[in-house]
Amino acid sequence: MKEELKDIMDEEAKCLGKLLELLNLQHDYILKKDVFKLEAIIEDIEKCNKTIAKAEVKRRAITKGRAMSEVIKELHSDDLEDSYINVKNILSSLTIQKDTNEMILKQGIVYTGKILNIINPNRPNTTYNSLGKIGK
């Protein structure tokens, strides 16, 4: 069980590392405003997420849904603990990179909205009254 679990954790760490590389690449595309490459990388990120999910399902099947910290304490394996710490570190880096990418995209959207409001500030809301005429 130790070796199988360690192999799964190493596979998961490898996939998470690839996902981190993809998110860093996505960050570069966001900064360069390269929309076409940004759209193309989405498919790669989705494939990587599916691979990670499969590894996670295998791991949960072996641990029977228990927390990894419990399993590691029970098995007394330094190699397994190192793999677990590695996965946690990569997950932390992934979270930071994902949040950074999201923040940059949101800032760009807000900026674009403000520029559009400056260009066309007064767009009156036109509605129809009860007679079917356009009212302001």
Protein backbone atom coordinates (compact mmCIF):
# COMPACT_ATOMS: atom_id res chain seq x y z
CA MET A 1 0.00 0.00 0.00
CA LYS A 2 2.85 2.40 0.81
CA GLU A 3 4.51 2.02 -2.57
CA GLU A 4 1.26 2.24 -4.51
CA LEU A 5 0.23 5.34 -2.60
CA LYS A 6 3.65 6.92 -3.10
CA ASP A 7 3.49 6.22 -6.85
CA ILE A 8 0.07 7.84 -7.06
CA MET A 9 1.27 10.87 -5.07
CA ASP A 10 4.30 11.21 -7.36
CA GLU A 11 2.06 10.98 -10.42
CA GLU A 12 -0.21 13.61 -8.92
CA ALA A 13 2.78 15.88 -8.18
CA LYS A 14 3.97 15.50 -11.78
CA CYS A 15 0.54 16.44 -13.15
CA LEU A 16 0.23 19.36 -10.73
CA GLY A 17 3.65 20.59 -11.84
CA LYS A 18 2.51 20.49 -15.47
CA LEU A 19 -0.62 22.43 -14.52
CA LEU A 20 1.55 25.04 -12.77
CA GLU A 21 3.61 25.40 -15.95
CA LEU A 22 0.41 25.88 -17.95
CA LEU A 23 -0.85 28.54 -15.53
CA ASN A 24 2.48 30.36 -15.78
CA LEU A 25 2.17 30.23 -19.56
CA GLN A 26 -1.39 31.52 -19.26
CA HIS A 27 -0.04 34.39 -17.13
CA ASP A 28 2.42 35.31 -19.88
CA TYR A 29 -0.35 35.28 -22.49
CA ILE A 30 -2.54 37.47 -20.30
CA LEU A 31 0.25 40.02 -19.90
CA LYS A 32 0.98 39.98 -23.65
CA LYS A 33 -2.78 40.21 -24.36
CA ASP A 34 -2.49 37.27 -26.75
CA VAL A 35 -6.13 36.22 -26.87
CA PHE A 36 -5.76 33.39 -29.38
CA LYS A 37 -3.03 31.59 -27.44
CA LEU A 38 -4.94 32.25 -24.23
CA GLU A 39 -7.98 30.51 -25.68
CA ALA A 40 -5.89 27.62 -27.02
CA ILE A 41 -4.29 26.87 -23.64
CA ILE A 42 -7.69 26.29 -22.00
CA GLU A 43 -7.97 22.84 -23.59
CA ASP A 44 -4.55 21.83 -22.22
CA ILE A 45 -5.51 23.01 -18.74
CA GLU A 46 -8.73 21.00 -18.89
CA LYS A 47 -6.86 17.83 -19.95
CA CYS A 48 -4.40 18.30 -17.10
CA ASN A 49 -7.26 18.77 -14.63
CA LYS A 50 -8.84 15.49 -15.77
CA THR A 51 -5.56 13.65 -15.27
CA ILE A 52 -5.21 15.11 -11.77
CA ALA A 53 -8.79 14.12 -10.95
CA LYS A 54 -8.12 10.51 -12.02
CA ALA A 55 -5.04 10.34 -9.79
CA GLU A 56 -7.04 11.82 -6.92
CA VAL A 57 -9.77 9.20 -7.36
CA LYS A 58 -7.14 6.42 -7.24
CA ARG A 59 -5.63 7.91 -4.09
CA ARG A 60 -9.00 8.21 -2.38
CA ALA A 61 -9.84 4.62 -3.30
CA ILE A 62 -6.68 3.41 -1.57
CA THR A 63 -7.07 5.61 1.51
CA LYS A 64 -10.83 4.96 1.64
CA GLY A 65 -11.53 8.69 1.86
CA ARG A 66 -9.44 9.28 4.97
CA ALA A 67 -7.23 12.33 5.31
CA MET A 68 -3.69 11.90 4.02
CA SER A 69 -2.20 13.20 7.27
CA GLU A 70 -3.87 10.31 9.13
CA VAL A 71 -2.65 7.75 6.62
CA ILE A 72 0.92 9.05 6.74
CA LYS A 73 0.99 8.96 10.54
CA GLU A 74 -0.37 5.43 10.47
CA LEU A 75 2.14 4.14 7.89
CA HIS A 76 5.22 5.91 9.31
CA SER A 77 6.74 6.48 5.87
CA ASP A 78 9.20 9.31 5.30
CA ASP A 79 9.05 8.93 1.52
CA LEU A 80 5.28 9.18 1.55
CA GLU A 81 5.43 12.21 3.82
CA ASP A 82 7.91 13.91 1.47
CA SER A 83 5.62 13.24 -1.49
CA TYR A 84 2.66 14.63 0.44
CA ILE A 85 4.56 17.80 1.39
CA ASN A 86 5.64 18.21 -2.24
CA VAL A 87 2.03 17.96 -3.43
CA LYS A 88 0.90 20.48 -0.80
CA ASN A 89 3.61 22.93 -1.87
CA ILE A 90 2.69 22.63 -5.52
CA LEU A 91 -1.00 23.11 -4.66
CA SER A 92 -0.13 26.28 -2.75
CA SER A 93 1.79 27.62 -5.76
CA LEU A 94 -1.12 26.70 -8.04
CA THR A 95 -3.58 28.60 -5.87
CA ILE A 96 -1.40 31.71 -5.90
CA GLN A 97 -0.92 31.59 -9.68
CA LYS A 98 -4.63 30.98 -10.35
CA ASP A 99 -5.62 33.90 -8.11
CA THR A 100 -3.06 36.15 -9.80
CA ASN A 101 -4.35 35.27 -13.27
CA GLU A 102 -7.95 35.87 -12.21
CA MET A 103 -7.08 39.23 -10.65
CA ILE A 104 -5.28 40.44 -13.79
CA LEU A 105 -8.20 39.38 -15.98
CA LYS A 106 -10.74 41.13 -13.71
CA GLN A 107 -8.65 44.31 -13.69
CA GLY A 108 -8.57 44.24 -17.48
CA ILE A 109 -12.34 43.85 -17.67
CA VAL A 110 -12.92 46.73 -15.24
CA TYR A 111 -10.47 48.92 -17.15
CA THR A 112 -12.18 48.12 -20.47
CA GLY A 113 -15.58 48.95 -18.94
CA LYS A 114 -14.34 52.31 -17.69
CA ILE A 115 -12.83 53.17 -21.07
CA LEU A 116 -16.12 52.30 -22.79
CA ASN A 117 -17.98 54.54 -20.33
CA ILE A 118 -15.60 57.40 -21.13
CA ILE A 119 -16.06 56.93 -24.87
CA ASN A 120 -19.86 56.66 -24.69
CA PRO A 121 -20.92 58.10 -21.32
CA ASN A 122 -24.64 58.80 -21.72
CA ARG A 123 -26.51 55.91 -23.13
CA PRO A 124 -30.09 56.62 -22.16
CA ASN A 125 -32.20 53.66 -21.26
CA THR A 126 -35.04 53.63 -23.71
CA THR A 127 -38.22 51.88 -22.65
CA TYR A 128 -41.63 51.49 -24.13
CA ASN A 129 -44.63 53.06 -22.42
CA SER A 130 -48.11 51.55 -22.24
CA LEU A 131 -49.00 52.89 -25.72
CA GLY A 132 -45.96 51.25 -27.33
CA LYS A 133 -44.10 54.52 -27.82
CA ILE A 134 -40.47 54.92 -26.83
CA GLY A 135 -40.20 56.87 -23.59
CA LYS A 136 -37.16 58.19 -21.81
